[in-house]
């Protein structure tokens, strides 16, 4: 499995806008524009400014928009929503051969979801600094993950080993009808 996180929009921000013709437009740019359109429309509908599209073989498989505040679900990020919908549409939890296009650089939650979904590529336009300017600053999470858990000042994470802690994994390993992932 290889994941390539590809910041396509970086060069576009430093060049003057020229409005490429449809013939000149790359597939990546076309799908990123779709993600940006979803994000922008979502703001008008009361959602967060994030949109995502999962594509396979040049065909849209699923879309997602940030629904955190609308659905009162802190995991309902656009990328996660698109991954969930793509998995349902494809009938699988593994999205090999597919690309996720997202309006903004995936946060740690979304990047982990992309890795678990086994997407081939993730292509984004705006970056984490653009998101921070808009009020969505993930830098505290990146900094927190780099520190020892004992030094965390929020959401303390502790291990308490029980004698039966590994029992679920033992059951999993002996279950002959399991689906490995």
C-alpha atoms as a PDB file:
ATOM      1  CA  UNK A   1       0.000   0.000   0.000  1.00  0.00           C
ATOM      2  CA  UNK A   2       1.287   3.454  -0.807  1.00  0.00           C
ATOM      3  CA  UNK A   3      -0.365   6.745  -0.043  1.00  0.00           C
ATOM      4  CA  UNK A   4       0.741   9.853  -1.870  1.00  0.00           C
ATOM      5  CA  UNK A   5      -0.436  13.119  -0.394  1.00  0.00           C
ATOM      6  CA  UNK A   6      -0.263  15.603  -3.223  1.00  0.00           C
ATOM      7  CA  UNK A   7      -0.660  19.356  -2.603  1.00  0.00           C
ATOM      8  CA  UNK A   8      -1.760  20.329  -6.110  1.00  0.00           C
ATOM      9  CA  UNK A   9      -2.880  23.849  -5.273  1.00  0.00           C
ATOM     10  CA  UNK A  10       0.477  25.191  -4.040  1.00  0.00           C
ATOM     11  CA  UNK A  11       1.751  26.354  -7.443  1.00  0.00           C
ATOM     12  CA  UNK A  12      -1.620  27.736  -8.459  1.00  0.00           C
ATOM     13  CA  UNK A  13      -1.584  30.214  -5.552  1.00  0.00           C
ATOM     14  CA  UNK A  14       1.669  31.794  -6.736  1.00  0.00           C
ATOM     15  CA  UNK A  15       0.703  32.131 -10.402  1.00  0.00           C
ATOM     16  CA  UNK A  16      -1.751  34.713 -11.736  1.00  0.00           C
ATOM     17  CA  UNK A  17      -5.220  33.290 -12.337  1.00  0.00           C
ATOM     18  CA  UNK A  18      -5.636  32.402 -15.997  1.00  0.00           C
ATOM     19  CA  UNK A  19      -8.776  30.251 -16.013  1.00  0.00           C
ATOM     20  CA  UNK A  20      -7.612  27.190 -17.972  1.00  0.00           C
ATOM     21  CA  UNK A  21      -9.839  25.996 -20.774  1.00  0.00           C
ATOM     22  CA  UNK A  22     -11.688  22.718 -20.342  1.00  0.00           C
ATOM     23  CA  UNK A  23      -9.274  21.070 -22.796  1.00  0.00           C
ATOM     24  CA  UNK A  24      -6.242  22.187 -20.767  1.00  0.00           C
ATOM     25  CA  UNK A  25      -7.686  21.346 -17.384  1.00  0.00           C
ATOM     26  CA  UNK A  26      -6.135  18.315 -15.722  1.00  0.00           C
ATOM     27  CA  UNK A  27      -8.295  15.633 -14.183  1.00  0.00           C
ATOM     28  CA  UNK A  28      -6.849  16.443 -10.769  1.00  0.00           C
ATOM     29  CA  UNK A  29      -7.741  20.112 -11.103  1.00  0.00           C
ATOM     30  CA  UNK A  30     -11.240  19.229 -12.300  1.00  0.00           C
ATOM     31  CA  UNK A  31     -11.898  16.958  -9.303  1.00  0.00           C
ATOM     32  CA  UNK A  32     -10.374  19.474  -6.893  1.00  0.00           C
ATOM     33  CA  UNK A  33     -12.718  22.115  -8.264  1.00  0.00           C
ATOM     34  CA  UNK A  34     -15.605  19.736  -7.551  1.00  0.00           C
ATOM     35  CA  UNK A  35     -14.389  19.361  -3.944  1.00  0.00           C
ATOM     36  CA  UNK A  36     -14.062  23.151  -3.564  1.00  0.00           C
ATOM     37  CA  UNK A  37     -17.577  23.617  -4.973  1.00  0.00           C
ATOM     38  CA  UNK A  38     -18.934  21.100  -2.445  1.00  0.00           C
ATOM     39  CA  UNK A  39     -17.121  22.928   0.370  1.00  0.00           C
ATOM     40  CA  UNK A  40     -18.387  26.340  -0.689  1.00  0.00           C
ATOM     41  CA  UNK A  41     -21.972  25.107  -1.076  1.00  0.00           C
ATOM     42  CA  UNK A  42     -21.756  23.463   2.336  1.00  0.00           C
ATOM     43  CA  UNK A  43     -21.022  26.820   3.995  1.00  0.00           C
ATOM     44  CA  UNK A  44     -24.262  28.206   2.548  1.00  0.00           C
ATOM     45  CA  UNK A  45     -26.082  25.174   3.996  1.00  0.00           C
ATOM     46  CA  UNK A  46     -24.691  25.751   7.493  1.00  0.00           C
ATOM     47  CA  UNK A  47     -21.829  23.252   7.315  1.00  0.00           C
ATOM     48  CA  UNK A  48     -18.078  23.658   7.529  1.00  0.00           C
ATOM     49  CA  UNK A  49     -15.953  24.833   4.576  1.00  0.00           C
ATOM     50  CA  UNK A  50     -14.739  21.396   3.530  1.00  0.00           C
ATOM     51  CA  UNK A  51     -15.675  19.104   0.640  1.00  0.00           C
ATOM     52  CA  UNK A  52     -14.298  15.844  -0.729  1.00  0.00           C
ATOM     53  CA  UNK A  53     -14.763  13.529  -3.708  1.00  0.00           C
ATOM     54  CA  UNK A  54     -13.680   9.898  -4.131  1.00  0.00           C
ATOM     55  CA  UNK A  55     -12.889   9.010  -7.747  1.00  0.00           C
ATOM     56  CA  UNK A  56     -12.106   5.680  -9.426  1.00  0.00           C
ATOM     57  CA  UNK A  57     -11.151   5.397 -13.081  1.00  0.00           C
ATOM     58  CA  UNK A  58     -12.228   8.959 -13.785  1.00  0.00           C
ATOM     59  CA  UNK A  59     -15.706   8.383 -12.299  1.00  0.00           C
ATOM     60  CA  UNK A  60     -17.115   9.991  -9.164  1.00  0.00           C
ATOM     61  CA  UNK A  61     -17.799   7.274  -6.603  1.00  0.00           C
ATOM     62  CA  UNK A  62     -18.908   9.417  -3.666  1.00  0.00           C
ATOM     63  CA  UNK A  63     -18.786  12.880  -2.148  1.00  0.00           C
ATOM     64  CA  UNK A  64     -18.651  14.248   1.353  1.00  0.00           C
ATOM     65  CA  UNK A  65     -19.140  17.566   3.061  1.00  0.00           C
ATOM     66  CA  UNK A  66     -18.272  18.593   6.583  1.00  0.00           C
ATOM     67  CA  UNK A  67     -21.283  17.802   8.802  1.00  0.00           C
ATOM     68  CA  UNK A  68     -19.703  18.216  12.242  1.00  0.00           C
ATOM     69  CA  UNK A  69     -22.008  20.947  13.534  1.00  0.00           C
ATOM     70  CA  UNK A  70     -25.064  19.914  11.539  1.00  0.00           C
ATOM     71  CA  UNK A  71     -24.960  16.295  12.742  1.00  0.00           C
ATOM     72  CA  UNK A  72     -23.300  16.983  16.121  1.00  0.00           C
ATOM     73  CA  UNK A  73     -20.603  14.482  15.128  1.00  0.00           C
ATOM     74  CA  UNK A  74     -16.953  15.515  15.559  1.00  0.00           C
ATOM     75  CA  UNK A  75     -15.883  12.752  13.136  1.00  0.00           C
ATOM     76  CA  UNK A  76     -18.173  13.906  10.311  1.00  0.00           C
ATOM     77  CA  UNK A  77     -15.374  15.596   8.368  1.00  0.00           C
ATOM     78  CA  UNK A  78     -15.792  15.838   4.592  1.00  0.00           C
ATOM     79  CA  UNK A  79     -13.089  13.266   3.878  1.00  0.00           C
ATOM     80  CA  UNK A  80     -14.538  10.775   6.364  1.00  0.00           C
ATOM     81  CA  UNK A  81     -18.033  11.306   4.958  1.00  0.00           C
ATOM     82  CA  UNK A  82     -16.749  10.712   1.407  1.00  0.00           C
ATOM     83  CA  UNK A  83     -14.837   7.591   2.472  1.00  0.00           C
ATOM     84  CA  UNK A  84     -17.903   6.188   4.253  1.00  0.00           C
ATOM     85  CA  UNK A  85     -20.087   6.811   1.201  1.00  0.00           C
ATOM     86  CA  UNK A  86     -17.484   5.370  -1.193  1.00  0.00           C
ATOM     87  CA  UNK A  87     -17.158   2.205   0.890  1.00  0.00           C
ATOM     88  CA  UNK A  88     -20.936   1.753   0.869  1.00  0.00           C
ATOM     89  CA  UNK A  89     -21.082   2.375  -2.897  1.00  0.00           C
ATOM     90  CA  UNK A  90     -18.178   0.018  -3.633  1.00  0.00           C
ATOM     91  CA  UNK A  91     -19.295  -2.613  -1.136  1.00  0.00           C
ATOM     92  CA  UNK A  92     -15.885  -2.766   0.525  1.00  0.00           C
ATOM     93  CA  UNK A  93     -13.858  -1.150   3.289  1.00  0.00           C
ATOM     94  CA  UNK A  94     -10.741  -0.976   1.087  1.00  0.00           C
ATOM     95  CA  UNK A  95     -10.611   1.718  -1.587  1.00  0.00           C
ATOM     96  CA  UNK A  96      -7.505   0.620  -3.480  1.00  0.00           C
ATOM     97  CA  UNK A  97      -7.342   2.135  -6.941  1.00  0.00           C
ATOM     98  CA  UNK A  98      -9.258   5.233  -5.831  1.00  0.00           C
ATOM     99  CA  UNK A  99      -8.252   8.839  -5.234  1.00  0.00           C
ATOM    100  CA  UNK A 100      -9.687  11.221  -2.675  1.00  0.00           C
ATOM    101  CA  UNK A 101      -9.809  14.853  -3.763  1.00  0.00           C
ATOM    102  CA  UNK A 102     -10.349  17.264  -0.929  1.00  0.00           C
ATOM    103  CA  UNK A 103     -10.721  21.005  -0.739  1.00  0.00           C
ATOM    104  CA  UNK A 104      -8.202  21.223   2.105  1.00  0.00           C
ATOM    105  CA  UNK A 105      -5.222  19.295   3.468  1.00  0.00           C
ATOM    106  CA  UNK A 106      -6.564  16.414   5.541  1.00  0.00           C
ATOM    107  CA  UNK A 107      -6.333  16.848   9.299  1.00  0.00           C
ATOM    108  CA  UNK A 108      -4.798  14.022  11.366  1.00  0.00           C
ATOM    109  CA  UNK A 109      -8.196  12.309  11.742  1.00  0.00           C
ATOM    110  CA  UNK A 110      -8.872  12.400   8.015  1.00  0.00           C
ATOM    111  CA  UNK A 111      -5.370  11.376   7.014  1.00  0.00           C
ATOM    112  CA  UNK A 112      -5.648   8.335   9.299  1.00  0.00           C
ATOM    113  CA  UNK A 113      -9.011   7.498   7.695  1.00  0.00           C
ATOM    114  CA  UNK A 114      -7.381   7.725   4.244  1.00  0.00           C
ATOM    115  CA  UNK A 115      -4.667   5.321   5.342  1.00  0.00           C
ATOM    116  CA  UNK A 116      -7.184   2.859   6.834  1.00  0.00           C
ATOM    117  CA  UNK A 117      -9.267   3.071   3.644  1.00  0.00           C
ATOM    118  CA  UNK A 118      -6.187   2.196   1.576  1.00  0.00           C
ATOM    119  CA  UNK A 119      -6.748   4.986  -0.919  1.00  0.00           C
ATOM    120  CA  UNK A 120      -4.067   5.151  -3.605  1.00  0.00           C
ATOM    121  CA  UNK A 121      -3.862   8.939  -3.584  1.00  0.00           C
ATOM    122  CA  UNK A 122      -5.030  11.984  -1.670  1.00  0.00           C
ATOM    123  CA  UNK A 123      -4.976  15.288  -3.540  1.00  0.00           C
ATOM    124  CA  UNK A 124      -5.770  18.549  -1.772  1.00  0.00           C
ATOM    125  CA  UNK A 125      -5.888  22.227  -2.643  1.00  0.00           C
ATOM    126  CA  UNK A 126      -5.848  24.566   0.382  1.00  0.00           C
ATOM    127  CA  UNK A 127      -3.329  23.646   3.081  1.00  0.00           C
ATOM    128  CA  UNK A 128      -3.362  23.579   6.883  1.00  0.00           C
ATOM    129  CA  UNK A 129      -2.248  27.221   7.008  1.00  0.00           C
ATOM    130  CA  UNK A 130      -5.229  28.288   4.897  1.00  0.00           C
ATOM    131  CA  UNK A 131      -7.481  26.290   7.238  1.00  0.00           C
ATOM    132  CA  UNK A 132      -5.914  27.967  10.258  1.00  0.00           C
ATOM    133  CA  UNK A 133      -6.606  31.401   8.757  1.00  0.00           C
ATOM    134  CA  UNK A 134     -10.240  30.304   8.431  1.00  0.00           C
ATOM    135  CA  UNK A 135     -10.429  29.316  12.097  1.00  0.00           C
ATOM    136  CA  UNK A 136      -9.636  25.602  11.713  1.00  0.00           C
ATOM    137  CA  UNK A 137      -6.201  25.274  13.289  1.00  0.00           C
ATOM    138  CA  UNK A 138      -4.931  21.688  13.644  1.00  0.00           C
ATOM    139  CA  UNK A 139      -1.441  22.690  14.789  1.00  0.00           C
ATOM    140  CA  UNK A 140      -2.316  21.882  18.414  1.00  0.00           C
ATOM    141  CA  UNK A 141      -3.059  18.290  17.376  1.00  0.00           C
ATOM    142  CA  UNK A 142       0.193  17.900  15.444  1.00  0.00           C
ATOM    143  CA  UNK A 143       2.101  19.284  18.435  1.00  0.00           C
ATOM    144  CA  UNK A 144       0.166  17.102  20.887  1.00  0.00           C
ATOM    145  CA  UNK A 145       0.849  13.890  18.928  1.00  0.00           C
ATOM    146  CA  UNK A 146       4.567  14.675  19.001  1.00  0.00           C
ATOM    147  CA  UNK A 147       4.596  14.763  22.810  1.00  0.00           C
ATOM    148  CA  UNK A 148       4.604  11.878  25.277  1.00  0.00           C
ATOM    149  CA  UNK A 149       1.030  11.057  26.326  1.00  0.00           C
ATOM    150  CA  UNK A 150       1.853  11.751  29.962  1.00  0.00           C
ATOM    151  CA  UNK A 151       2.481  15.390  28.991  1.00  0.00           C
ATOM    152  CA  UNK A 152      -0.884  15.893  27.262  1.00  0.00           C
ATOM    153  CA  UNK A 153      -2.921  18.710  28.768  1.00  0.00           C
ATOM    154  CA  UNK A 154      -6.241  17.669  27.244  1.00  0.00           C
ATOM    155  CA  UNK A 155      -7.996  14.350  26.718  1.00  0.00           C
ATOM    156  CA  UNK A 156      -5.703  12.295  28.897  1.00  0.00           C
ATOM    157  CA  UNK A 157      -5.010   8.803  27.520  1.00  0.00           C
ATOM    158  CA  UNK A 158      -4.077   6.075  29.985  1.00  0.00           C
ATOM    159  CA  UNK A 159      -3.538   2.342  29.717  1.00  0.00           C
ATOM    160  CA  UNK A 160      -5.018  -0.020  32.294  1.00  0.00           C
ATOM    161  CA  UNK A 161      -4.079  -3.612  31.474  1.00  0.00           C
ATOM    162  CA  UNK A 162      -6.618  -6.211  32.526  1.00  0.00           C
ATOM    163  CA  UNK A 163      -5.916  -9.949  32.571  1.00  0.00           C
ATOM    164  CA  UNK A 164      -8.488 -10.302  29.783  1.00  0.00           C
ATOM    165  CA  UNK A 165      -7.184  -7.371  27.696  1.00  0.00           C
ATOM    166  CA  UNK A 166      -6.107  -9.544  24.763  1.00  0.00           C
ATOM    167  CA  UNK A 167      -9.161 -11.817  24.785  1.00  0.00           C
ATOM    168  CA  UNK A 168     -10.871 -10.000  21.847  1.00  0.00           C
ATOM    169  CA  UNK A 169      -7.730 -10.450  19.708  1.00  0.00           C
ATOM    170  CA  UNK A 170      -7.428 -14.095  20.672  1.00  0.00           C
ATOM    171  CA  UNK A 171     -11.055 -14.584  19.618  1.00  0.00           C
ATOM    172  CA  UNK A 172     -10.336 -12.749  16.366  1.00  0.00           C
ATOM    173  CA  UNK A 173      -7.308 -14.885  15.550  1.00  0.00           C
ATOM    174  CA  UNK A 174      -9.205 -18.135  16.097  1.00  0.00           C
ATOM    175  CA  UNK A 175     -12.331 -16.999  14.215  1.00  0.00           C
ATOM    176  CA  UNK A 176     -12.124 -18.851  10.893  1.00  0.00           C
ATOM    177  CA  UNK A 177     -14.689 -16.688   9.105  1.00  0.00           C
ATOM    178  CA  UNK A 178     -12.963 -13.358   9.792  1.00  0.00           C
ATOM    179  CA  UNK A 179     -12.271 -10.821   7.078  1.00  0.00           C
ATOM    180  CA  UNK A 180      -8.664  -9.749   7.431  1.00  0.00           C
ATOM    181  CA  UNK A 181      -7.783  -6.135   7.031  1.00  0.00           C
END
